[in-house]
Protein backbone atom coordinates (compact mmCIF):
# COMPACT_ATOMS: atom_id res chain seq x y z
CA MET A 1 14.50 -64.99 49.93
CA LEU A 2 16.95 -63.43 52.44
CA ILE A 3 18.84 -66.72 52.72
CA LEU A 4 19.05 -66.97 48.92
CA LEU A 5 20.38 -63.42 48.64
CA LEU A 6 22.97 -64.09 51.34
CA PHE A 7 24.05 -67.29 49.56
CA CYS A 8 24.38 -65.47 46.24
CA GLY A 9 26.34 -62.73 47.93
CA LEU A 10 28.68 -65.26 49.51
CA GLY A 11 29.27 -66.85 46.12
CA SER A 12 30.16 -63.44 44.72
CA VAL A 13 32.68 -62.86 47.51
CA LEU A 14 34.24 -66.28 47.05
CA SER A 15 34.83 -65.67 43.34
CA ASN A 16 36.29 -62.18 43.86
CA TYR A 17 39.95 -62.72 43.00
CA THR A 18 42.33 -59.96 44.05
CA PRO A 19 45.32 -58.81 41.98
CA ASP A 20 47.94 -60.88 43.76
CA TRP A 21 49.32 -64.28 42.77
CA LYS A 22 48.14 -66.10 45.90
CA SER A 23 44.54 -65.16 45.13
CA LEU A 24 44.82 -65.67 41.36
CA ASP A 25 46.45 -69.08 41.80
CA SER A 26 43.62 -70.18 44.10
CA ARG A 27 41.18 -70.24 41.18
CA PRO A 28 40.30 -73.87 40.30
CA LEU A 29 41.47 -75.11 36.91
CA PRO A 30 38.48 -75.50 34.55
CA SER A 31 38.11 -79.25 34.07
CA TRP A 32 37.81 -79.09 30.27
CA TYR A 33 41.49 -78.20 29.98
CA ASP A 34 42.85 -81.10 32.05
CA ASP A 35 40.51 -83.52 30.28
CA SER A 36 41.52 -82.39 26.78
CA LYS A 37 45.19 -83.50 26.86
CA LEU A 38 46.03 -82.43 23.30
CA GLY A 39 45.93 -79.03 21.62
CA ILE A 40 47.26 -77.66 18.34
CA PHE A 41 49.42 -74.54 18.26
CA VAL A 42 49.37 -72.42 15.08
CA HIS A 43 52.22 -69.99 14.36
CA TRP A 44 51.17 -67.72 11.51
CA GLY A 45 52.00 -64.14 10.63
CA VAL A 46 54.12 -61.92 8.40
CA PHE A 47 57.11 -64.12 9.31
CA SER A 48 55.42 -66.78 7.14
CA VAL A 49 56.29 -64.70 4.05
CA PRO A 50 60.11 -64.91 4.15
CA ALA A 51 59.69 -68.31 5.85
CA PHE A 52 63.39 -68.58 6.54
CA LYS A 53 65.21 -69.72 9.68
CA SER A 54 62.27 -69.23 12.07
CA GLU A 55 59.49 -66.90 13.18
CA TRP A 56 62.23 -64.73 14.74
CA ILE A 57 63.54 -63.72 11.30
CA TRP A 58 62.90 -59.97 11.75
CA TRP A 59 64.91 -59.97 14.95
CA PHE A 60 67.76 -61.92 13.33
CA TRP A 61 67.73 -59.52 10.38
CA LYS A 62 67.93 -56.44 12.62
CA GLN A 63 70.74 -58.06 14.62
CA GLY A 64 72.73 -58.60 11.43
CA TYR A 65 72.80 -62.40 11.26
CA SER A 66 74.73 -62.96 8.02
CA ASP A 67 72.64 -65.85 6.70
CA VAL A 68 69.42 -63.87 7.20
CA VAL A 69 70.88 -60.65 5.76
CA ASN A 70 72.08 -62.51 2.67
CA PHE A 71 68.73 -64.26 2.28
CA MET A 72 66.73 -61.03 2.55
CA ASN A 73 69.04 -59.15 0.17
CA LYS A 74 68.68 -61.93 -2.40
CA ASN A 75 64.94 -62.56 -2.09
CA PHE A 76 63.53 -59.19 -0.97
CA PRO A 77 66.03 -56.60 -2.21
CA GLY A 78 65.38 -53.04 -1.14
CA GLN A 79 62.35 -54.02 0.97
CA SER A 80 61.66 -53.44 4.64
CA TYR A 81 59.97 -55.97 6.91
CA ALA A 82 56.82 -53.83 6.82
CA ASP A 83 56.76 -54.23 3.02
CA LEU A 84 56.25 -57.98 3.52
CA GLY A 85 52.85 -57.41 5.14
CA SER A 86 51.10 -57.04 1.77
CA LYS A 87 52.48 -60.43 0.72
CA PHE A 88 50.86 -62.17 3.70
CA THR A 89 47.67 -62.79 1.74
CA ALA A 90 46.07 -65.91 3.30
CA ALA A 91 44.70 -66.41 -0.22
CA ASP A 92 44.18 -70.16 0.24
CA PHE A 93 43.02 -70.03 3.84
CA ASN A 94 39.68 -71.67 4.51
CA ALA A 95 39.09 -71.84 8.24
CA ASP A 96 36.61 -74.73 8.04
CA SER A 97 39.04 -76.89 6.05
CA PHE A 98 41.92 -75.88 8.31
CA LEU A 99 40.01 -76.79 11.47
CA SER A 100 38.92 -80.08 9.94
CA ILE A 101 42.61 -81.01 9.65
CA VAL A 102 43.24 -79.85 13.21
CA LYS A 103 40.37 -81.97 14.50
CA SER A 104 41.72 -85.02 12.67
CA SER A 105 44.69 -84.96 15.07
CA GLY A 106 42.44 -85.75 18.02
CA ALA A 107 43.14 -82.34 19.56
CA LYS A 108 40.45 -80.76 21.70
CA TYR A 109 41.70 -77.17 21.57
CA ILE A 110 43.62 -74.82 19.32
CA VAL A 111 45.85 -71.85 20.16
CA VAL A 112 46.50 -69.31 17.37
CA THR A 113 49.22 -66.64 17.30
CA THR A 114 46.94 -63.62 17.21
CA LYS A 115 50.05 -61.43 17.61
CA HIS A 116 53.65 -62.59 17.63
CA HIS A 117 56.69 -60.50 18.58
CA GLU A 118 56.57 -58.67 15.22
CA GLY A 119 53.42 -56.87 16.45
CA TYR A 120 51.22 -57.70 13.43
CA THR A 121 47.74 -58.64 14.66
CA LEU A 122 45.42 -61.16 13.00
CA TRP A 123 42.45 -59.01 13.99
CA PRO A 124 41.67 -55.30 13.42
CA SER A 125 43.02 -53.98 16.70
CA GLU A 126 42.42 -50.29 17.27
CA THR A 127 46.07 -50.05 18.36
CA SER A 128 47.66 -51.58 15.22
CA PHE A 129 46.64 -49.26 12.36
CA ASN A 130 47.89 -50.60 9.01
CA TRP A 131 49.74 -53.44 10.75
CA ASN A 132 46.90 -55.96 11.01
CA SER A 133 45.19 -58.53 8.81
CA VAL A 134 42.24 -56.29 7.91
CA ASP A 135 44.21 -53.20 6.89
CA LEU A 136 47.16 -54.99 5.29
CA GLY A 137 47.52 -58.35 3.56
CA PRO A 138 44.46 -60.62 3.68
CA HIS A 139 41.96 -57.81 4.46
CA ARG A 140 40.17 -60.33 6.69
CA ASP A 141 39.61 -60.76 10.41
CA LEU A 142 41.49 -64.05 10.72
CA VAL A 143 40.94 -64.40 14.47
CA ARG A 144 37.18 -64.25 13.88
CA GLU A 145 37.41 -66.89 11.15
CA PHE A 146 39.51 -69.18 13.33
CA ARG A 147 37.16 -68.78 16.28
CA ASP A 148 33.97 -69.42 14.35
CA SER A 149 35.32 -72.55 12.67
CA THR A 150 36.84 -73.84 15.92
CA LEU A 151 33.49 -73.67 17.69
CA LYS A 152 31.80 -75.24 14.67
CA GLN A 153 34.11 -78.25 15.08
CA GLY A 154 33.25 -78.51 18.77
CA LEU A 155 36.76 -77.54 19.90
CA HIS A 156 37.98 -74.96 22.42
CA PHE A 157 39.42 -71.74 20.98
CA GLY A 158 42.62 -70.19 22.33
CA THR A 159 44.72 -67.14 21.56
CA TYR A 160 48.48 -66.79 21.79
CA PHE A 161 49.51 -63.21 22.56
CA SER A 162 52.99 -61.68 22.68
CA GLN A 163 53.26 -59.05 25.39
CA PHE A 164 56.02 -57.12 23.69
CA ASP A 165 56.49 -55.93 20.12
CA TRP A 166 60.22 -56.01 19.36
CA PHE A 167 60.38 -52.61 17.71
CA HIS A 168 57.22 -50.77 18.79
CA PRO A 169 58.13 -47.10 19.42
CA LEU A 170 56.28 -46.98 22.76
CA TYR A 171 57.99 -50.15 23.98
CA LEU A 172 61.40 -48.78 23.02
CA LYS A 173 60.48 -45.46 24.68
CA ASP A 174 59.52 -47.31 27.89
CA ASN A 175 62.90 -49.04 27.86
CA ALA A 176 64.63 -45.67 27.65
CA ASN A 177 62.46 -43.76 30.12
CA LYS A 178 61.35 -46.51 32.55
CA THR A 179 57.69 -45.72 31.83
CA ARG A 180 54.64 -47.94 31.16
CA GLU A 181 53.05 -46.35 28.12
CA TYR A 182 53.27 -49.46 25.96
CA PRO A 183 51.20 -51.81 28.17
CA GLU A 184 48.68 -49.10 29.03
CA LYS A 185 48.15 -48.00 25.42
CA VAL A 186 48.86 -51.23 23.49
CA SER A 187 49.21 -54.67 25.07
CA LEU A 188 46.53 -54.39 27.76
CA VAL A 189 44.15 -52.79 25.27
CA GLN A 190 44.78 -55.59 22.77
CA MET A 191 44.23 -58.36 25.31
CA ARG A 192 40.92 -56.83 26.37
CA GLU A 193 39.91 -56.69 22.72
CA LEU A 194 40.67 -60.38 22.34
CA ILE A 195 38.80 -61.36 25.50
CA ASN A 196 35.74 -59.20 24.87
CA ASN A 197 35.40 -59.70 21.11
CA TYR A 198 36.55 -63.30 20.59
CA LYS A 199 36.02 -64.94 24.00
CA PRO A 200 38.97 -67.36 23.96
CA GLU A 201 39.13 -70.17 26.51
CA VAL A 202 42.94 -70.11 26.48
CA LEU A 203 45.03 -66.96 26.76
CA TRP A 204 48.61 -68.05 26.07
CA SER A 205 50.95 -65.21 27.01
CA ASP A 206 54.52 -64.90 25.70
CA GLY A 207 57.15 -62.23 25.03
CA ASP A 208 57.11 -61.26 28.70
CA TRP A 209 60.65 -61.99 29.83
CA GLU A 210 62.23 -58.54 29.53
CA LYS A 211 59.90 -56.91 32.07
CA SER A 212 58.24 -57.62 35.41
CA ASP A 213 54.62 -58.63 35.91
CA ASP A 214 54.08 -55.16 37.39
CA TYR A 215 55.21 -53.54 34.14
CA TRP A 216 52.80 -55.69 32.13
CA GLY A 217 49.93 -55.06 34.57
CA ALA A 218 49.48 -58.81 34.65
CA LYS A 219 47.91 -59.28 38.09
CA GLU A 220 45.31 -56.53 37.65
CA PHE A 221 44.46 -57.78 34.16
CA LEU A 222 44.04 -61.40 35.29
CA ALA A 223 41.88 -60.33 38.23
CA TRP A 224 39.56 -58.70 35.68
CA VAL A 225 39.65 -61.83 33.49
CA PHE A 226 38.76 -64.15 36.38
CA ASN A 227 36.17 -61.86 37.99
CA ASP A 228 34.38 -59.91 35.30
CA SER A 229 35.31 -61.00 31.77
CA PRO A 230 32.88 -62.89 29.50
CA VAL A 231 35.05 -66.03 29.84
CA LYS A 232 35.65 -65.87 33.59
CA GLU A 233 34.27 -69.39 34.18
CA SER A 234 36.06 -71.29 31.42
CA ILE A 235 39.31 -69.53 30.52
CA VAL A 236 42.78 -70.84 31.39
CA VAL A 237 46.00 -68.83 31.23
CA ASN A 238 49.61 -69.93 31.16
CA ASP A 239 52.52 -68.73 33.27
CA ARG A 240 54.42 -66.27 31.04
CA TRP A 241 53.52 -62.97 32.67
CA GLY A 242 56.89 -61.38 33.52
CA LYS A 243 60.30 -62.08 35.01
CA GLY A 244 60.18 -64.76 37.69
CA ILE A 245 56.59 -65.79 36.93
CA PRO A 246 57.07 -68.82 34.61
CA TYR A 247 57.05 -72.16 36.48
CA ASN A 248 55.33 -70.48 39.44
CA HIS A 249 51.97 -68.91 38.56
CA GLY A 250 49.05 -69.06 36.13
CA SER A 251 46.42 -71.74 35.51
CA PHE A 252 49.09 -74.05 34.13
CA ILE A 253 52.87 -74.13 33.71
CA THR A 254 54.63 -73.96 30.35
CA GLY A 255 58.11 -72.97 31.56
CA ASN A 256 60.33 -72.99 28.48
CA ASP A 257 59.37 -74.35 25.07
CA GLY A 258 59.47 -78.14 25.13
CA TYR A 259 59.12 -78.26 28.94
CA MET A 260 59.10 -81.82 30.33
CA PRO A 261 59.30 -81.98 34.16
CA GLY A 262 59.94 -85.72 34.32
CA LYS A 263 57.81 -86.07 37.45
CA LEU A 264 54.34 -85.41 38.83
CA LEU A 265 53.71 -81.79 39.76
CA THR A 266 51.25 -80.17 42.14
CA LYS A 267 50.29 -77.79 39.33
CA LYS A 268 48.93 -78.53 35.87
CA TRP A 269 51.51 -78.17 33.09
CA GLU A 270 51.74 -78.13 29.32
CA CYS A 271 54.52 -78.91 26.87
CA CYS A 272 54.46 -76.73 23.76
CA SER A 273 56.43 -78.50 21.06
CA SER A 274 56.76 -77.95 17.31
CA LEU A 275 56.52 -80.60 14.63
CA ILE A 276 59.11 -78.53 12.73
CA ARG A 277 62.55 -78.93 14.25
CA GLY A 278 64.12 -75.60 15.19
CA SER A 279 61.14 -73.44 14.26
CA PHE A 280 57.52 -72.81 15.14
CA GLY A 281 56.83 -70.87 11.94
CA TYR A 282 56.74 -72.27 8.38
CA ARG A 283 60.09 -72.71 6.60
CA ARG A 284 60.28 -72.64 2.82
CA ASN A 285 63.25 -75.03 2.76
CA LEU A 286 61.49 -77.63 4.91
CA ARG A 287 62.68 -81.21 4.34
CA SER A 288 61.19 -84.45 5.62
CA GLY A 289 64.04 -84.85 8.11
CA ASP A 290 63.19 -81.44 9.57
CA VAL A 291 59.84 -82.76 10.76
CA GLU A 292 59.28 -84.90 13.83
CA THR A 293 58.17 -88.44 13.01
CA SER A 294 54.80 -89.65 14.26
CA LYS A 295 56.67 -92.13 16.48
CA GLU A 296 58.66 -89.32 18.12
CA THR A 297 55.52 -87.26 18.72
CA ILE A 298 53.49 -90.15 20.09
CA ASP A 299 56.30 -91.30 22.42
CA LYS A 300 56.57 -87.75 23.79
CA PHE A 301 52.80 -87.45 24.17
CA VAL A 302 52.58 -90.70 26.13
CA LYS A 303 55.20 -89.50 28.63
CA ILE A 304 53.37 -86.19 28.99
CA LEU A 305 50.13 -88.04 29.76
CA ALA A 306 51.82 -90.23 32.37
CA TRP A 307 53.26 -87.14 34.10
CA GLY A 308 49.90 -85.34 34.09
CA GLY A 309 50.55 -82.76 31.38
CA ASN A 310 49.02 -81.60 28.11
CA LEU A 311 50.75 -81.44 24.73
CA LEU A 312 50.35 -78.29 22.63
CA LEU A 313 51.62 -79.50 19.25
CA ASN A 314 52.67 -76.77 16.83
CA ILE A 315 52.24 -76.42 13.07
CA GLY A 316 53.20 -73.51 10.82
CA PRO A 317 51.10 -72.75 7.72
CA ASP A 318 52.57 -70.85 4.78
CA GLN A 319 51.76 -67.24 3.87
CA TYR A 320 48.71 -68.38 1.90
CA GLY A 321 47.24 -70.41 4.76
CA ASN A 322 48.19 -73.89 3.58
CA ILE A 323 49.30 -76.54 6.05
CA PRO A 324 52.29 -78.31 4.45
CA ALA A 325 51.32 -81.83 3.37
CA ILE A 326 53.91 -83.48 5.63
CA LEU A 327 52.50 -81.67 8.69
CA GLU A 328 48.95 -82.62 7.75
CA GLU A 329 50.11 -86.22 7.43
CA ARG A 330 51.70 -86.09 10.89
CA LEU A 331 48.50 -84.71 12.44
CA GLN A 332 46.48 -87.52 10.90
CA GLU A 333 48.96 -90.15 12.13
CA VAL A 334 48.76 -88.77 15.66
CA GLY A 335 44.99 -88.67 15.33
CA ALA A 336 44.84 -92.34 14.34
CA PHE A 337 46.68 -93.22 17.57
CA VAL A 338 44.55 -90.90 19.72
CA ASN A 339 41.27 -92.08 18.25
CA ALA A 340 42.15 -95.76 18.73
CA ASN A 341 43.12 -95.14 22.36
CA SER A 342 40.93 -92.19 23.32
CA GLU A 343 39.62 -93.99 26.41
CA ALA A 344 43.14 -94.02 27.89
CA ILE A 345 43.78 -90.37 27.01
CA TYR A 346 40.85 -87.98 27.39
CA GLY A 347 39.83 -87.48 31.01
CA SER A 348 42.59 -89.76 32.30
CA LYS A 349 44.85 -89.06 35.26
CA PRO A 350 48.32 -90.30 36.17
CA TRP A 351 48.41 -93.61 38.00
CA ILE A 352 50.40 -94.25 41.20
CA TYR A 353 53.32 -95.34 39.01
CA GLN A 354 54.22 -93.37 35.91
CA ASN A 355 56.30 -95.99 34.13
CA ASP A 356 58.19 -99.27 34.43
CA THR A 357 60.77 -98.52 31.75
CA GLU A 358 61.22 -95.99 28.94
CA LYS A 359 58.97 -98.24 26.88
CA ILE A 360 56.08 -98.83 29.33
CA TRP A 361 54.02 -95.89 30.69
CA TYR A 362 50.73 -95.63 32.58
CA THR A 363 47.57 -93.57 32.88
CA SER A 364 44.39 -94.45 34.78
CA LYS A 365 40.71 -93.81 35.41
CA LEU A 366 38.31 -94.55 38.25
CA THR A 367 34.89 -96.10 37.75
CA THR A 368 33.78 -94.34 40.97
CA LYS A 369 35.40 -91.05 42.02
CA VAL A 370 37.43 -91.06 45.24
CA LYS A 371 37.76 -87.82 47.21
CA GLY A 372 41.15 -86.37 48.00
CA PHE A 373 42.94 -87.42 44.81
CA ASP A 374 43.33 -84.50 42.41
CA HIS A 375 46.69 -85.25 40.80
CA PHE A 376 46.64 -89.03 40.40
CA ASN A 377 44.29 -91.97 40.85
CA PRO A 378 44.86 -94.46 43.68
CA GLN A 379 44.99 -98.18 42.94
CA ILE A 380 41.78 -99.79 44.20
CA GLU A 381 40.84 -103.27 43.05
CA GLY A 382 37.56 -103.20 41.12
CA ASN A 383 37.58 -99.40 40.83
CA THR A 384 40.83 -98.35 39.13
CA ILE A 385 41.33 -99.00 35.44
CA ILE A 386 44.99 -98.98 34.43
CA TYR A 387 46.16 -98.18 30.91
CA ALA A 388 49.64 -99.41 29.99
CA PHE A 389 51.11 -97.63 26.96
CA LEU A 390 53.68 -99.76 25.17
CA LEU A 391 56.15 -97.83 23.02
CA ASP A 392 57.98 -101.03 22.09
CA TRP A 393 57.28 -104.68 22.81
CA ASP A 394 58.16 -108.33 22.55
CA LYS A 395 55.65 -111.13 22.19
CA GLU A 396 55.40 -111.20 26.00
CA VAL A 397 55.30 -107.98 28.02
CA GLN A 398 56.12 -107.73 31.72
CA LEU A 399 54.16 -105.11 33.68
CA LYS A 400 56.26 -104.86 36.82
CA SER A 401 54.14 -102.20 38.56
CA VAL A 402 50.80 -104.00 38.21
CA LYS A 403 49.80 -106.36 41.00
CA SER A 404 47.81 -109.29 39.71
CA ALA A 405 44.54 -110.46 41.25
CA GLN A 406 42.26 -113.42 40.68
CA ASN A 407 39.84 -111.57 38.38
CA ILE A 408 42.35 -109.41 36.54
CA LYS A 409 41.36 -108.67 32.94
CA VAL A 410 43.63 -107.39 30.18
CA THR A 411 42.46 -106.27 26.74
CA LEU A 412 44.14 -104.63 23.75
CA LEU A 413 42.57 -101.18 23.57
CA GLY A 414 41.07 -100.24 20.25
CA THR A 415 40.31 -103.88 19.40
CA GLY A 416 38.50 -105.43 22.36
CA ILE A 417 40.80 -108.47 22.08
CA ALA A 418 41.14 -110.23 25.44
CA LEU A 419 44.76 -111.09 26.27
CA ASN A 420 46.20 -113.94 28.29
CA SER A 421 48.07 -112.92 31.41
CA THR A 422 50.05 -114.93 33.92
CA VAL A 423 52.35 -114.23 36.85
CA LYS A 424 55.93 -115.27 36.16
CA GLU A 425 58.48 -114.85 38.94
CA GLY A 426 56.10 -112.46 40.67
CA VAL A 427 55.59 -110.23 37.60
CA LEU A 428 52.39 -109.85 35.58
CA THR A 429 53.20 -111.08 32.07
CA VAL A 430 50.89 -110.44 29.12
CA THR A 431 50.98 -112.30 25.81
CA LEU A 432 50.36 -110.04 22.82
CA PRO A 433 48.49 -111.04 19.65
CA PRO A 434 50.12 -110.85 16.19
CA GLU A 435 51.06 -107.28 15.23
CA LYS A 436 48.67 -107.29 12.29
CA LYS A 437 45.89 -107.03 14.87
CA PHE A 438 47.35 -103.90 16.50
CA PRO A 439 45.31 -100.72 15.96
CA HIS A 440 48.47 -98.59 15.52
CA ARG A 441 52.08 -99.30 14.58
CA ASP A 442 53.80 -96.70 16.78
CA ALA A 443 52.34 -97.59 20.18
CA ILE A 444 49.63 -99.77 21.70
CA VAL A 445 47.66 -99.63 24.94
CA LEU A 446 46.66 -102.42 27.29
CA LYS A 447 43.54 -101.89 29.39
CA ILE A 448 43.86 -103.57 32.79
CA GLU A 449 40.88 -104.06 35.08
CA ASN A 450 40.63 -105.57 38.56
CA ALA A 451 44.32 -105.32 39.43
CA ALA A 452 45.04 -105.79 43.12
CA ASN A 453 45.10 -103.00 45.69
CA ASP A 454 48.34 -101.03 46.06
CA ALA A 455 48.74 -98.42 48.80
CA PHE A 456 51.72 -96.67 47.18
CA HIS A 457 51.31 -92.92 46.56
CA PRO A 458 53.75 -90.97 44.37
CA GLN A 459 55.55 -87.86 45.63
CA LEU A 460 54.31 -84.62 44.08
CA MET A 461 56.77 -81.84 43.30
CA ASP A 462 56.14 -78.08 43.27
């Protein structure tokens, strides 16, 4: 019994993270996040009512941008931004239907803007009286509805949270007086509400850049999250926690929106990218050319996989809770690709080579785990399975990084079709079947087994 108590006590000490970045960064990344690869970002709030320019419309209006001023004068004459809250009705929003569409994309997690920079919360925060979705607008706890339906679909639930509110009186007072009333009385209180009441497995911080991590109380808050919160075992957090923190700290790196490092990193990273060009929120004047094509999204996703990242793909519903048909179509097109090639995506790791050309990229898996390889899989004949993603192709494809072996086997993933392969001028060359047999038109994946040993190891960058 004494030994057991000592062991339990040791475990408690080992998991006691202190409020400094060295300790917080030592926490292992929960494996579910790395395995998931694809998440869906949802930008939704009062900004979905004017639905003009972007989710930053209130800021642009206050700064006197002429196109925004003219639009607001024409469409909402004599009204303040606060007056728009009652028009954010979510009248058509059905969380189960919404999450069914999200799941069709092949995503394994969702991150919802519980509070954007406008300060309006999608839950009844005790700090946001009459500026939340229960008091004003839908009269519903939208975070609760999202969470319940997300779990029902078997997905992981995440919350986006803006640290600052552009025009909150306490935040403006702090700016003038160099005090910390706003985080102590608003943002830290709100984040604890989210963690305790909704138990998200992703906390995606933003709106941090004007202040230091000390101002936001980030290190002390994250120490509580990792040590004592109800999601301490499974939660992941990003890197936007104050000046100088992005790219350096957190469970994973997001850097700037659309971040693509172009190399293997020592730290997990995520690219947040919107299907809507130039905006994360819904735009009423959306045209088909304003939306990323499925080919563009899939090509980007493949590169992210090869470099060891995740893609957080954004959609913006309208004020009533409808996902625009063109965005729903894009999610389903991405989902068709993911579902056909799920073996090469979920739970994969980068291979020793990331790509041959801009049109040929690699991921990998091991049939038997090898110790000491956390960021990529080594190439071991009979153990490593290589997945070659082809973004374009001819009838014959040369895989310059793959070393052939006597028992090498190549199949077209999603079909089980065995493909002929030969070595021509020292390069493995694979003959493809007719395109009508391809499982997807935008990209295909070749599964390669029993390739020869290769001792090359890629350089990892901080």
